[in-house]
């Protein structure tokens, strides 16, 4: 059954770090580009980082130089390393394929709260 399970969120002080994980259950993980998205109440989900099947990465300007996306094809897992966190990074973070339409049903996400 296709499923996404995000984990690793929590409460962190400004300047701190977190590493998010996205465990993917389903077929063809290796061939898809994957993205990390975030959403705050009342706003649309936005793409913050993505990684292609070949390992090329992109990050949004708002997180450039602070967030790094990676993938482990052997473990069907996508990661988001978040450093130098800011209060404006507070959001619920989700992963899914980075395509015109997501391939998987959205997971529950993982909440990241940056606050002193």
PDB file of N, CA and C in Angstrom:
ATOM      1  N   UNK A   1       0.853  -1.180   0.000  1.00  0.00           N
ATOM      2  CA  UNK A   1       0.000   0.000   0.000  1.00  0.00           C
ATOM      3  C   UNK A   1       0.891   1.231   0.000  1.00  0.00           C
ATOM      4  N   UNK A   2       0.608   2.155  -0.903  1.00  0.00           N
ATOM      5  CA  UNK A   2       1.411   3.363  -0.996  1.00  0.00           C
ATOM      6  C   UNK A   2       1.182   4.230   0.232  1.00  0.00           C
ATOM      7  N   UNK A   3       2.274   4.613   0.866  1.00  0.00           N
ATOM      8  CA  UNK A   3       2.157   5.381   2.103  1.00  0.00           C
ATOM      9  C   UNK A   3       3.405   6.216   2.319  1.00  0.00           C
ATOM     10  N   UNK A   4       3.211   7.401   2.863  1.00  0.00           N
ATOM     11  CA  UNK A   4       4.309   8.288   3.226  1.00  0.00           C
ATOM     12  C   UNK A   4       4.238   8.537   4.727  1.00  0.00           C
ATOM     13  N   UNK A   5       5.360   8.388   5.407  1.00  0.00           N
ATOM     14  CA  UNK A   5       5.404   8.653   6.838  1.00  0.00           C
ATOM     15  C   UNK A   5       6.554   9.605   7.120  1.00  0.00           C
ATOM     16  N   UNK A   6       6.200  10.825   7.501  1.00  0.00           N
ATOM     17  CA  UNK A   6       7.191  11.844   7.835  1.00  0.00           C
ATOM     18  C   UNK A   6       7.465  11.829   9.332  1.00  0.00           C
ATOM     19  N   UNK A   7       8.695  12.093   9.701  1.00  0.00           N
ATOM     20  CA  UNK A   7       9.068  12.133  11.102  1.00  0.00           C
ATOM     21  C   UNK A   7      10.256  13.067  11.294  1.00  0.00           C
ATOM     22  N   UNK A   8      10.550  13.351  12.561  1.00  0.00           N
ATOM     23  CA  UNK A   8      11.726  14.146  12.883  1.00  0.00           C
ATOM     24  C   UNK A   8      11.451  15.582  13.277  1.00  0.00           C
ATOM     25  N   UNK A   9      10.211  16.009  13.201  1.00  0.00           N
ATOM     26  CA  UNK A   9       9.885  17.368  13.588  1.00  0.00           C
ATOM     27  C   UNK A   9       9.922  17.558  15.091  1.00  0.00           C
ATOM     28  N   UNK A  10       9.700  18.793  15.506  1.00  0.00           N
ATOM     29  CA  UNK A  10       9.697  19.092  16.930  1.00  0.00           C
ATOM     30  C   UNK A  10       9.834  20.568  17.189  1.00  0.00           C
ATOM     31  N   UNK A  11      10.071  20.895  18.447  1.00  0.00           N
ATOM     32  CA  UNK A  11      10.271  22.277  18.873  1.00  0.00           C
ATOM     33  C   UNK A  11      11.771  22.544  18.967  1.00  0.00           C
ATOM     34  N   UNK A  12      12.220  23.594  18.328  1.00  0.00           N
ATOM     35  CA  UNK A  12      13.640  23.918  18.330  1.00  0.00           C
ATOM     36  C   UNK A  12      13.801  25.431  18.446  1.00  0.00           C
ATOM     37  N   UNK A  13      14.881  25.853  19.064  1.00  0.00           N
ATOM     38  CA  UNK A  13      15.153  27.281  19.202  1.00  0.00           C
ATOM     39  C   UNK A  13      15.684  27.851  17.890  1.00  0.00           C
ATOM     40  N   UNK A  14      15.496  29.127  17.675  1.00  0.00           N
ATOM     41  CA  UNK A  14      16.089  29.755  16.488  1.00  0.00           C
ATOM     42  C   UNK A  14      17.584  29.479  16.424  1.00  0.00           C
ATOM     43  N   UNK A  15      18.047  29.155  15.214  1.00  0.00           N
ATOM     44  CA  UNK A  15      19.443  28.801  15.021  1.00  0.00           C
ATOM     45  C   UNK A  15      19.714  27.317  15.143  1.00  0.00           C
ATOM     46  N   UNK A  16      18.742  26.578  15.600  1.00  0.00           N
ATOM     47  CA  UNK A  16      18.908  25.139  15.787  1.00  0.00           C
ATOM     48  C   UNK A  16      18.750  24.347  14.505  1.00  0.00           C
ATOM     49  N   UNK A  17      18.837  23.034  14.652  1.00  0.00           N
ATOM     50  CA  UNK A  17      18.771  22.129  13.492  1.00  0.00           C
ATOM     51  C   UNK A  17      17.803  20.989  13.758  1.00  0.00           C
ATOM     52  N   UNK A  18      17.265  20.485  12.680  1.00  0.00           N
ATOM     53  CA  UNK A  18      16.449  19.275  12.718  1.00  0.00           C
ATOM     54  C   UNK A  18      16.709  18.496  11.440  1.00  0.00           C
ATOM     55  N   UNK A  19      16.503  17.198  11.523  1.00  0.00           N
ATOM     56  CA  UNK A  19      16.589  16.352  10.332  1.00  0.00           C
ATOM     57  C   UNK A  19      15.272  15.603  10.189  1.00  0.00           C
ATOM     58  N   UNK A  20      14.586  15.882   9.113  1.00  0.00           N
ATOM     59  CA  UNK A  20      13.328  15.211   8.831  1.00  0.00           C
ATOM     60  C   UNK A  20      13.562  13.984   7.962  1.00  0.00           C
ATOM     61  N   UNK A  21      12.720  12.975   8.163  1.00  0.00           N
ATOM     62  CA  UNK A  21      12.778  11.765   7.344  1.00  0.00           C
ATOM     63  C   UNK A  21      11.412  11.499   6.744  1.00  0.00           C
ATOM     64  N   UNK A  22      11.418  10.915   5.575  1.00  0.00           N
ATOM     65  CA  UNK A  22      10.180  10.520   4.907  1.00  0.00           C
ATOM     66  C   UNK A  22      10.351   9.086   4.435  1.00  0.00           C
ATOM     67  N   UNK A  23       9.672   8.173   5.094  1.00  0.00           N
ATOM     68  CA  UNK A  23       9.731   6.766   4.715  1.00  0.00           C
ATOM     69  C   UNK A  23       8.609   6.474   3.724  1.00  0.00           C
ATOM     70  N   UNK A  24       8.995   5.895   2.611  1.00  0.00           N
ATOM     71  CA  UNK A  24       8.052   5.665   1.516  1.00  0.00           C
ATOM     72  C   UNK A  24       7.768   4.176   1.358  1.00  0.00           C
ATOM     73  N   UNK A  25       6.515   3.827   1.425  1.00  0.00           N
ATOM     74  CA  UNK A  25       6.081   2.457   1.157  1.00  0.00           C
ATOM     75  C   UNK A  25       5.385   2.456  -0.187  1.00  0.00           C
ATOM     76  N   UNK A  26       5.906   1.691  -1.094  1.00  0.00           N
ATOM     77  CA  UNK A  26       5.327   1.656  -2.429  1.00  0.00           C
ATOM     78  C   UNK A  26       6.381   1.362  -3.461  1.00  0.00           C
ATOM     79  N   UNK A  27       5.941   1.267  -4.679  1.00  0.00           N
ATOM     80  CA  UNK A  27       6.840   0.877  -5.758  1.00  0.00           C
ATOM     81  C   UNK A  27       7.457   2.088  -6.435  1.00  0.00           C
ATOM     82  N   UNK A  28       8.557   1.839  -7.081  1.00  0.00           N
ATOM     83  CA  UNK A  28       9.186   2.803  -7.982  1.00  0.00           C
ATOM     84  C   UNK A  28       9.734   4.038  -7.290  1.00  0.00           C
ATOM     85  N   UNK A  29      10.080   3.901  -6.018  1.00  0.00           N
ATOM     86  CA  UNK A  29      10.658   5.050  -5.302  1.00  0.00           C
ATOM     87  C   UNK A  29      11.823   5.625  -6.090  1.00  0.00           C
ATOM     88  N   UNK A  30      12.669   4.744  -6.615  1.00  0.00           N
ATOM     89  CA  UNK A  30      13.926   5.189  -7.215  1.00  0.00           C
ATOM     90  C   UNK A  30      13.730   6.100  -8.424  1.00  0.00           C
ATOM     91  N   UNK A  31      12.642   5.925  -9.143  1.00  0.00           N
ATOM     92  CA  UNK A  31      12.512   6.648 -10.410  1.00  0.00           C
ATOM     93  C   UNK A  31      11.897   8.034 -10.255  1.00  0.00           C
ATOM     94  N   UNK A  32      11.342   8.315  -9.081  1.00  0.00           N
ATOM     95  CA  UNK A  32      10.635   9.587  -8.913  1.00  0.00           C
ATOM     96  C   UNK A  32      11.531  10.687  -8.371  1.00  0.00           C
ATOM     97  N   UNK A  33      11.262  11.929  -8.796  1.00  0.00           N
ATOM     98  CA  UNK A  33      11.832  13.064  -8.063  1.00  0.00           C
ATOM     99  C   UNK A  33      10.988  13.267  -6.806  1.00  0.00           C
ATOM    100  N   UNK A  34      11.626  13.640  -5.729  1.00  0.00           N
ATOM    101  CA  UNK A  34      10.920  13.815  -4.454  1.00  0.00           C
ATOM    102  C   UNK A  34      11.084  15.243  -3.958  1.00  0.00           C
ATOM    103  N   UNK A  35      10.060  15.684  -3.263  1.00  0.00           N
ATOM    104  CA  UNK A  35      10.083  17.032  -2.740  1.00  0.00           C
ATOM    105  C   UNK A  35       9.660  17.084  -1.287  1.00  0.00           C
ATOM    106  N   UNK A  36      10.167  18.096  -0.616  1.00  0.00           N
ATOM    107  CA  UNK A  36       9.691  18.445   0.725  1.00  0.00           C
ATOM    108  C   UNK A  36       8.861  19.710   0.591  1.00  0.00           C
ATOM    109  N   UNK A  37       7.700  19.682   1.206  1.00  0.00           N
ATOM    110  CA  UNK A  37       6.764  20.788   1.161  1.00  0.00           C
ATOM    111  C   UNK A  37       6.455  21.214   2.590  1.00  0.00           C
ATOM    112  N   UNK A  38       5.985  22.451   2.723  1.00  0.00           N
ATOM    113  CA  UNK A  38       5.542  22.885   4.042  1.00  0.00           C
ATOM    114  C   UNK A  38       4.283  23.713   3.923  1.00  0.00           C
ATOM    115  N   UNK A  39       3.541  23.712   5.000  1.00  0.00           N
ATOM    116  CA  UNK A  39       2.254  24.410   4.986  1.00  0.00           C
ATOM    117  C   UNK A  39       1.979  24.977   6.364  1.00  0.00           C
ATOM    118  N   UNK A  40       1.486  26.209   6.369  1.00  0.00           N
ATOM    119  CA  UNK A  40       1.012  26.836   7.600  1.00  0.00           C
ATOM    120  C   UNK A  40      -0.486  27.069   7.454  1.00  0.00           C
ATOM    121  N   UNK A  41      -1.182  27.188   8.570  1.00  0.00           N
ATOM    122  CA  UNK A  41      -2.642  27.347   8.510  1.00  0.00           C
ATOM    123  C   UNK A  41      -3.061  28.505   7.615  1.00  0.00           C
ATOM    124  N   UNK A  42      -3.992  28.235   6.737  1.00  0.00           N
ATOM    125  CA  UNK A  42      -4.521  29.274   5.875  1.00  0.00           C
ATOM    126  C   UNK A  42      -3.699  29.560   4.641  1.00  0.00           C
ATOM    127  N   UNK A  43      -2.605  28.851   4.470  1.00  0.00           N
ATOM    128  CA  UNK A  43      -1.748  29.082   3.310  1.00  0.00           C
ATOM    129  C   UNK A  43      -1.623  27.807   2.484  1.00  0.00           C
ATOM    130  N   UNK A  44      -1.252  28.001   1.230  1.00  0.00           N
ATOM    131  CA  UNK A  44      -1.040  26.847   0.363  1.00  0.00           C
ATOM    132  C   UNK A  44       0.259  26.138   0.713  1.00  0.00           C
ATOM    133  N   UNK A  45       0.266  24.868   0.412  1.00  0.00           N
ATOM    134  CA  UNK A  45       1.493  24.101   0.592  1.00  0.00           C
ATOM    135  C   UNK A  45       2.538  24.616  -0.402  1.00  0.00           C
ATOM    136  N   UNK A  46       3.771  24.794   0.072  1.00  0.00           N
ATOM    137  CA  UNK A  46       4.834  25.284  -0.804  1.00  0.00           C
ATOM    138  C   UNK A  46       5.984  24.289  -0.824  1.00  0.00           C
ATOM    139  N   UNK A  47       6.607  24.204  -1.989  1.00  0.00           N
ATOM    140  CA  UNK A  47       7.766  23.334  -2.164  1.00  0.00           C
ATOM    141  C   UNK A  47       9.003  24.046  -1.633  1.00  0.00           C
ATOM    142  N   UNK A  48       9.751  23.386  -0.751  1.00  0.00           N
ATOM    143  CA  UNK A  48      10.957  24.008  -0.212  1.00  0.00           C
ATOM    144  C   UNK A  48      12.232  23.373  -0.733  1.00  0.00           C
ATOM    145  N   UNK A  49      12.170  22.098  -1.108  1.00  0.00           N
ATOM    146  CA  UNK A  49      13.368  21.425  -1.609  1.00  0.00           C
ATOM    147  C   UNK A  49      12.956  20.209  -2.420  1.00  0.00           C
ATOM    148  N   UNK A  50      13.768  19.873  -3.400  1.00  0.00           N
ATOM    149  CA  UNK A  50      13.464  18.700  -4.217  1.00  0.00           C
ATOM    150  C   UNK A  50      14.747  18.019  -4.650  1.00  0.00           C
ATOM    151  N   UNK A  51      14.613  16.748  -5.005  1.00  0.00           N
ATOM    152  CA  UNK A  51      15.755  15.967  -5.447  1.00  0.00           C
ATOM    153  C   UNK A  51      15.303  15.039  -6.563  1.00  0.00           C
ATOM    154  N   UNK A  52      16.062  15.016  -7.637  1.00  0.00           N
ATOM    155  CA  UNK A  52      15.704  14.180  -8.771  1.00  0.00           C
ATOM    156  C   UNK A  52      16.145  12.733  -8.532  1.00  0.00           C
ATOM    157  N   UNK A  53      15.756  11.863  -9.444  1.00  0.00           N
ATOM    158  CA  UNK A  53      16.174  10.467  -9.338  1.00  0.00           C
ATOM    159  C   UNK A  53      17.689  10.343  -9.449  1.00  0.00           C
ATOM    160  N   UNK A  54      18.307  11.288 -10.118  1.00  0.00           N
ATOM    161  CA  UNK A  54      19.757  11.268 -10.264  1.00  0.00           C
ATOM    162  C   UNK A  54      20.503  11.983  -9.161  1.00  0.00           C
ATOM    163  N   UNK A  55      19.771  12.559  -8.225  1.00  0.00           N
ATOM    164  CA  UNK A  55      20.412  13.187  -7.076  1.00  0.00           C
ATOM    165  C   UNK A  55      20.627  14.684  -7.186  1.00  0.00           C
ATOM    166  N   UNK A  56      20.144  15.295  -8.259  1.00  0.00           N
ATOM    167  CA  UNK A  56      20.245  16.754  -8.362  1.00  0.00           C
ATOM    168  C   UNK A  56      19.215  17.402  -7.448  1.00  0.00           C
ATOM    169  N   UNK A  57      19.633  18.463  -6.788  1.00  0.00           N
ATOM    170  CA  UNK A  57      18.765  19.095  -5.803  1.00  0.00           C
ATOM    171  C   UNK A  57      18.489  20.557  -6.130  1.00  0.00           C
ATOM    172  N   UNK A  58      17.373  21.010  -5.643  1.00  0.00           N
ATOM    173  CA  UNK A  58      17.012  22.426  -5.712  1.00  0.00           C
ATOM    174  C   UNK A  58      16.391  22.807  -4.382  1.00  0.00           C
ATOM    175  N   UNK A  59      16.593  24.061  -4.002  1.00  0.00           N
ATOM    176  CA  UNK A  59      15.952  24.560  -2.794  1.00  0.00           C
ATOM    177  C   UNK A  59      15.328  25.924  -3.078  1.00  0.00           C
ATOM    178  N   UNK A  60      14.284  26.220  -2.351  1.00  0.00           N
ATOM    179  CA  UNK A  60      13.639  27.520  -2.484  1.00  0.00           C
ATOM    180  C   UNK A  60      14.569  28.602  -1.959  1.00  0.00           C
ATOM    181  N   UNK A  61      14.416  29.806  -2.481  1.00  0.00           N
ATOM    182  CA  UNK A  61      15.279  30.909  -2.062  1.00  0.00           C
ATOM    183  C   UNK A  61      15.197  31.142  -0.556  1.00  0.00           C
ATOM    184  N   UNK A  62      14.039  30.909   0.011  1.00  0.00           N
ATOM    185  CA  UNK A  62      13.841  31.184   1.435  1.00  0.00           C
ATOM    186  C   UNK A  62      14.647  30.254   2.343  1.00  0.00           C
ATOM    187  N   UNK A  63      15.083  29.123   1.819  1.00  0.00           N
ATOM    188  CA  UNK A  63      15.821  28.156   2.642  1.00  0.00           C
ATOM    189  C   UNK A  63      17.194  27.852   2.071  1.00  0.00           C
ATOM    190  N   UNK A  64      17.543  28.521   0.997  1.00  0.00           N
ATOM    191  CA  UNK A  64      18.812  28.228   0.328  1.00  0.00           C
ATOM    192  C   UNK A  64      19.987  28.450   1.279  1.00  0.00           C
ATOM    193  N   UNK A  65      20.897  27.486   1.278  1.00  0.00           N
ATOM    194  CA  UNK A  65      22.062  27.568   2.147  1.00  0.00           C
ATOM    195  C   UNK A  65      21.813  27.068   3.555  1.00  0.00           C
ATOM    196  N   UNK A  66      20.555  26.779   3.879  1.00  0.00           N
ATOM    197  CA  UNK A  66      20.222  26.288   5.226  1.00  0.00           C
ATOM    198  C   UNK A  66      19.635  24.875   5.211  1.00  0.00           C
ATOM    199  N   UNK A  67      18.878  24.559   4.175  1.00  0.00           N
ATOM    200  CA  UNK A  67      18.228  23.243   4.064  1.00  0.00           C
ATOM    201  C   UNK A  67      18.922  22.416   2.987  1.00  0.00           C
ATOM    202  N   UNK A  68      19.040  21.124   3.265  1.00  0.00           N
ATOM    203  CA  UNK A  68      19.633  20.194   2.302  1.00  0.00           C
ATOM    204  C   UNK A  68      18.754  18.958   2.197  1.00  0.00           C
ATOM    205  N   UNK A  69      18.395  18.596   0.978  1.00  0.00           N
ATOM    206  CA  UNK A  69      17.583  17.399   0.740  1.00  0.00           C
ATOM    207  C   UNK A  69      18.493  16.287   0.239  1.00  0.00           C
ATOM    208  N   UNK A  70      18.190  15.070   0.677  1.00  0.00           N
ATOM    209  CA  UNK A  70      18.938  13.905   0.209  1.00  0.00           C
ATOM    210  C   UNK A  70      18.001  12.705   0.158  1.00  0.00           C
ATOM    211  N   UNK A  71      18.474  11.642  -0.448  1.00  0.00           N
ATOM    212  CA  UNK A  71      17.657  10.438  -0.558  1.00  0.00           C
ATOM    213  C   UNK A  71      18.531   9.214  -0.403  1.00  0.00           C
ATOM    214  N   UNK A  72      17.911   8.160   0.119  1.00  0.00           N
ATOM    215  CA  UNK A  72      18.578   6.871   0.240  1.00  0.00           C
ATOM    216  C   UNK A  72      17.700   5.860  -0.478  1.00  0.00           C
ATOM    217  N   UNK A  73      18.071   5.521  -1.699  1.00  0.00           N
ATOM    218  CA  UNK A  73      17.226   4.634  -2.503  1.00  0.00           C
ATOM    219  C   UNK A  73      17.145   3.231  -1.922  1.00  0.00           C
ATOM    220  N   UNK A  74      18.163   2.817  -1.196  1.00  0.00           N
ATOM    221  CA  UNK A  74      18.145   1.487  -0.590  1.00  0.00           C
ATOM    222  C   UNK A  74      17.132   1.407   0.547  1.00  0.00           C
ATOM    223  N   UNK A  75      16.859   2.553   1.152  1.00  0.00           N
ATOM    224  CA  UNK A  75      15.938   2.578   2.292  1.00  0.00           C
ATOM    225  C   UNK A  75      14.589   3.205   1.941  1.00  0.00           C
ATOM    226  N   UNK A  76      14.408   3.578   0.670  1.00  0.00           N
ATOM    227  CA  UNK A  76      13.159   4.246   0.273  1.00  0.00           C
ATOM    228  C   UNK A  76      12.838   5.422   1.192  1.00  0.00           C
ATOM    229  N   UNK A  77      13.829   6.241   1.428  1.00  0.00           N
ATOM    230  CA  UNK A  77      13.687   7.345   2.379  1.00  0.00           C
ATOM    231  C   UNK A  77      14.274   8.628   1.801  1.00  0.00           C
ATOM    232  N   UNK A  78      13.577   9.711   2.073  1.00  0.00           N
ATOM    233  CA  UNK A  78      14.039  11.045   1.699  1.00  0.00           C
ATOM    234  C   UNK A  78      14.266  11.837   2.990  1.00  0.00           C
ATOM    235  N   UNK A  79      15.306  12.640   2.994  1.00  0.00           N
ATOM    236  CA  UNK A  79      15.669  13.399   4.194  1.00  0.00           C
ATOM    237  C   UNK A  79      15.670  14.901   3.896  1.00  0.00           C
ATOM    238  N   UNK A  80      15.459  15.676   4.953  1.00  0.00           N
ATOM    239  CA  UNK A  80      15.623  17.123   4.856  1.00  0.00           C
ATOM    240  C   UNK A  80      16.413  17.579   6.082  1.00  0.00           C
ATOM    241  N   UNK A  81      17.638  17.968   5.858  1.00  0.00           N
ATOM    242  CA  UNK A  81      18.463  18.530   6.928  1.00  0.00           C
ATOM    243  C   UNK A  81      18.212  20.023   6.979  1.00  0.00           C
ATOM    244  N   UNK A  82      17.782  20.497   8.124  1.00  0.00           N
ATOM    245  CA  UNK A  82      17.430  21.902   8.286  1.00  0.00           C
ATOM    246  C   UNK A  82      18.350  22.517   9.338  1.00  0.00           C
ATOM    247  N   UNK A  83      19.131  23.478   8.924  1.00  0.00           N
ATOM    248  CA  UNK A  83      20.052  24.172   9.825  1.00  0.00           C
ATOM    249  C   UNK A  83      19.674  25.644   9.918  1.00  0.00           C
ATOM    250  N   UNK A  84      20.203  26.308  10.922  1.00  0.00           N
ATOM    251  CA  UNK A  84      19.968  27.744  11.110  1.00  0.00           C
ATOM    252  C   UNK A  84      18.482  28.074  11.015  1.00  0.00           C
ATOM    253  N   UNK A  85      17.691  27.320  11.719  1.00  0.00           N
ATOM    254  CA  UNK A  85      16.239  27.472  11.621  1.00  0.00           C
ATOM    255  C   UNK A  85      15.793  28.833  12.141  1.00  0.00           C
ATOM    256  N   UNK A  86      14.746  29.342  11.492  1.00  0.00           N
ATOM    257  CA  UNK A  86      14.179  30.639  11.827  1.00  0.00           C
ATOM    258  C   UNK A  86      12.707  30.460  12.222  1.00  0.00           C
ATOM    259  N   UNK A  87      12.170  31.395  12.964  1.00  0.00           N
ATOM    260  CA  UNK A  87      10.742  31.286  13.328  1.00  0.00           C
ATOM    261  C   UNK A  87       9.836  31.150  12.110  1.00  0.00           C
ATOM    262  N   UNK A  88      10.208  31.774  11.013  1.00  0.00           N
ATOM    263  CA  UNK A  88       9.368  31.676   9.805  1.00  0.00           C
ATOM    264  C   UNK A  88       9.430  30.315   9.132  1.00  0.00           C
ATOM    265  N   UNK A  89      10.291  29.422   9.613  1.00  0.00           N
ATOM    266  CA  UNK A  89      10.305  28.050   9.121  1.00  0.00           C
ATOM    267  C   UNK A  89       9.249  27.190   9.814  1.00  0.00           C
ATOM    268  N   UNK A  90       8.592  27.748  10.821  1.00  0.00           N
ATOM    269  CA  UNK A  90       7.550  27.017  11.520  1.00  0.00           C
ATOM    270  C   UNK A  90       6.436  26.634  10.560  1.00  0.00           C
ATOM    271  N   UNK A  91       6.145  25.339  10.483  1.00  0.00           N
ATOM    272  CA  UNK A  91       5.149  24.829   9.546  1.00  0.00           C
ATOM    273  C   UNK A  91       5.023  23.326   9.746  1.00  0.00           C
ATOM    274  N   UNK A  92       4.039  22.746   9.083  1.00  0.00           N
ATOM    275  CA  UNK A  92       3.978  21.286   8.994  1.00  0.00           C
ATOM    276  C   UNK A  92       4.648  20.892   7.682  1.00  0.00           C
ATOM    277  N   UNK A  93       5.547  19.950   7.774  1.00  0.00           N
ATOM    278  CA  UNK A  93       6.347  19.546   6.624  1.00  0.00           C
ATOM    279  C   UNK A  93       5.876  18.190   6.106  1.00  0.00           C
ATOM    280  N   UNK A  94       5.796  18.129   4.784  1.00  0.00           N
ATOM    281  CA  UNK A  94       5.331  16.931   4.097  1.00  0.00           C
ATOM    282  C   UNK A  94       6.323  16.566   2.994  1.00  0.00           C
ATOM    283  N   UNK A  95       6.294  15.311   2.607  1.00  0.00           N
ATOM    284  CA  UNK A  95       7.037  14.902   1.421  1.00  0.00           C
ATOM    285  C   UNK A  95       6.069  14.297   0.424  1.00  0.00           C
ATOM    286  N   UNK A  96       6.455  14.321  -0.818  1.00  0.00           N
ATOM    287  CA  UNK A  96       5.719  13.652  -1.880  1.00  0.00           C
ATOM    288  C   UNK A  96       6.559  13.765  -3.144  1.00  0.00           C
ATOM    289  N   UNK A  97       6.115  13.096  -4.176  1.00  0.00           N
ATOM    290  CA  UNK A  97       6.828  13.209  -5.445  1.00  0.00           C
ATOM    291  C   UNK A  97       6.734  14.639  -5.955  1.00  0.00           C
ATOM    292  N   UNK A  98       7.738  15.069  -6.654  1.00  0.00           N
ATOM    293  CA  UNK A  98       7.739  16.434  -7.189  1.00  0.00           C
ATOM    294  C   UNK A  98       7.377  16.374  -8.664  1.00  0.00           C
ATOM    295  N   UNK A  99       6.101  16.194  -8.899  1.00  0.00           N
ATOM    296  CA  UNK A  99       5.553  16.075 -10.241  1.00  0.00           C
ATOM    297  C   UNK A  99       4.344  16.997 -10.349  1.00  0.00           C
ATOM    298  N   UNK A 100       3.770  17.084 -11.528  1.00  0.00           N
ATOM    299  CA  UNK A 100       2.618  17.975 -11.685  1.00  0.00           C
ATOM    300  C   UNK A 100       1.468  17.556 -10.778  1.00  0.00           C
ATOM    301  N   UNK A 101       1.372  16.258 -10.552  1.00  0.00           N
ATOM    302  CA  UNK A 101       0.419  15.755  -9.566  1.00  0.00           C
ATOM    303  C   UNK A 101       1.144  14.772  -8.661  1.00  0.00           C
ATOM    304  N   UNK A 102       0.947  14.880  -7.357  1.00  0.00           N
ATOM    305  CA  UNK A 102       1.619  13.948  -6.468  1.00  0.00           C
ATOM    306  C   UNK A 102       1.160  12.520  -6.718  1.00  0.00           C
ATOM    307  N   UNK A 103       2.104  11.599  -6.644  1.00  0.00           N
ATOM    308  CA  UNK A 103       1.788  10.200  -6.918  1.00  0.00           C
ATOM    309  C   UNK A 103       1.152   9.516  -5.712  1.00  0.00           C
ATOM    310  N   UNK A 104       1.595   9.916  -4.532  1.00  0.00           N
ATOM    311  CA  UNK A 104       1.156   9.243  -3.322  1.00  0.00           C
ATOM    312  C   UNK A 104       0.089  10.075  -2.596  1.00  0.00           C
ATOM    313  N   UNK A 105      -0.742   9.412  -1.818  1.00  0.00           N
ATOM    314  CA  UNK A 105      -1.615  10.175  -0.920  1.00  0.00           C
ATOM    315  C   UNK A 105      -0.751  10.935   0.077  1.00  0.00           C
ATOM    316  N   UNK A 106      -1.147  12.125   0.421  1.00  0.00           N
ATOM    317  CA  UNK A 106      -0.375  12.907   1.389  1.00  0.00           C
ATOM    318  C   UNK A 106      -0.386  12.230   2.753  1.00  0.00           C
ATOM    319  N   UNK A 107       0.777  12.247   3.418  1.00  0.00           N
ATOM    320  CA  UNK A 107       0.880  11.722   4.759  1.00  0.00           C
ATOM    321  C   UNK A 107       0.407  12.742   5.780  1.00  0.00           C
ATOM    322  N   UNK A 108       0.659  12.431   7.053  1.00  0.00           N
ATOM    323  CA  UNK A 108       0.255  13.332   8.132  1.00  0.00           C
ATOM    324  C   UNK A 108       1.196  14.520   8.281  1.00  0.00           C
ATOM    325  N   UNK A 109       2.375  14.378   7.733  1.00  0.00           N
ATOM    326  CA  UNK A 109       3.358  15.439   7.898  1.00  0.00           C
ATOM    327  C   UNK A 109       3.985  15.397   9.283  1.00  0.00           C
ATOM    328  N   UNK A 110       4.946  16.291   9.477  1.00  0.00           N
ATOM    329  CA  UNK A 110       5.594  16.412  10.781  1.00  0.00           C
ATOM    330  C   UNK A 110       5.731  17.894  11.112  1.00  0.00           C
ATOM    331  N   UNK A 111       5.345  18.253  12.319  1.00  0.00           N
ATOM    332  CA  UNK A 111       5.305  19.667  12.715  1.00  0.00           C
ATOM    333  C   UNK A 111       6.692  20.139  13.151  1.00  0.00           C
ATOM    334  N   UNK A 112       7.084  21.260  12.609  1.00  0.00           N
ATOM    335  CA  UNK A 112       8.318  21.934  13.014  1.00  0.00           C
ATOM    336  C   UNK A 112       7.939  23.283  13.593  1.00  0.00           C
ATOM    337  N   UNK A 113       8.372  23.512  14.817  1.00  0.00           N
ATOM    338  CA  UNK A 113       8.104  24.784  15.478  1.00  0.00           C
ATOM    339  C   UNK A 113       9.426  25.385  15.923  1.00  0.00           C
ATOM    340  N   UNK A 114       9.693  26.580  15.445  1.00  0.00           N
ATOM    341  CA  UNK A 114      10.934  27.279  15.783  1.00  0.00           C
ATOM    342  C   UNK A 114      10.573  28.457  16.668  1.00  0.00           C
ATOM    343  N   UNK A 115      10.967  28.343  17.919  1.00  0.00           N
ATOM    344  CA  UNK A 115      10.576  29.369  18.890  1.00  0.00           C
ATOM    345  C   UNK A 115      11.525  29.345  20.079  1.00  0.00           C
ATOM    346  N   UNK A 116      11.739  30.524  20.650  1.00  0.00           N
ATOM    347  CA  UNK A 116      12.551  30.588  21.857  1.00  0.00           C
ATOM    348  C   UNK A 116      11.671  30.529  23.098  1.00  0.00           C
TER     349      UNK A 116
END
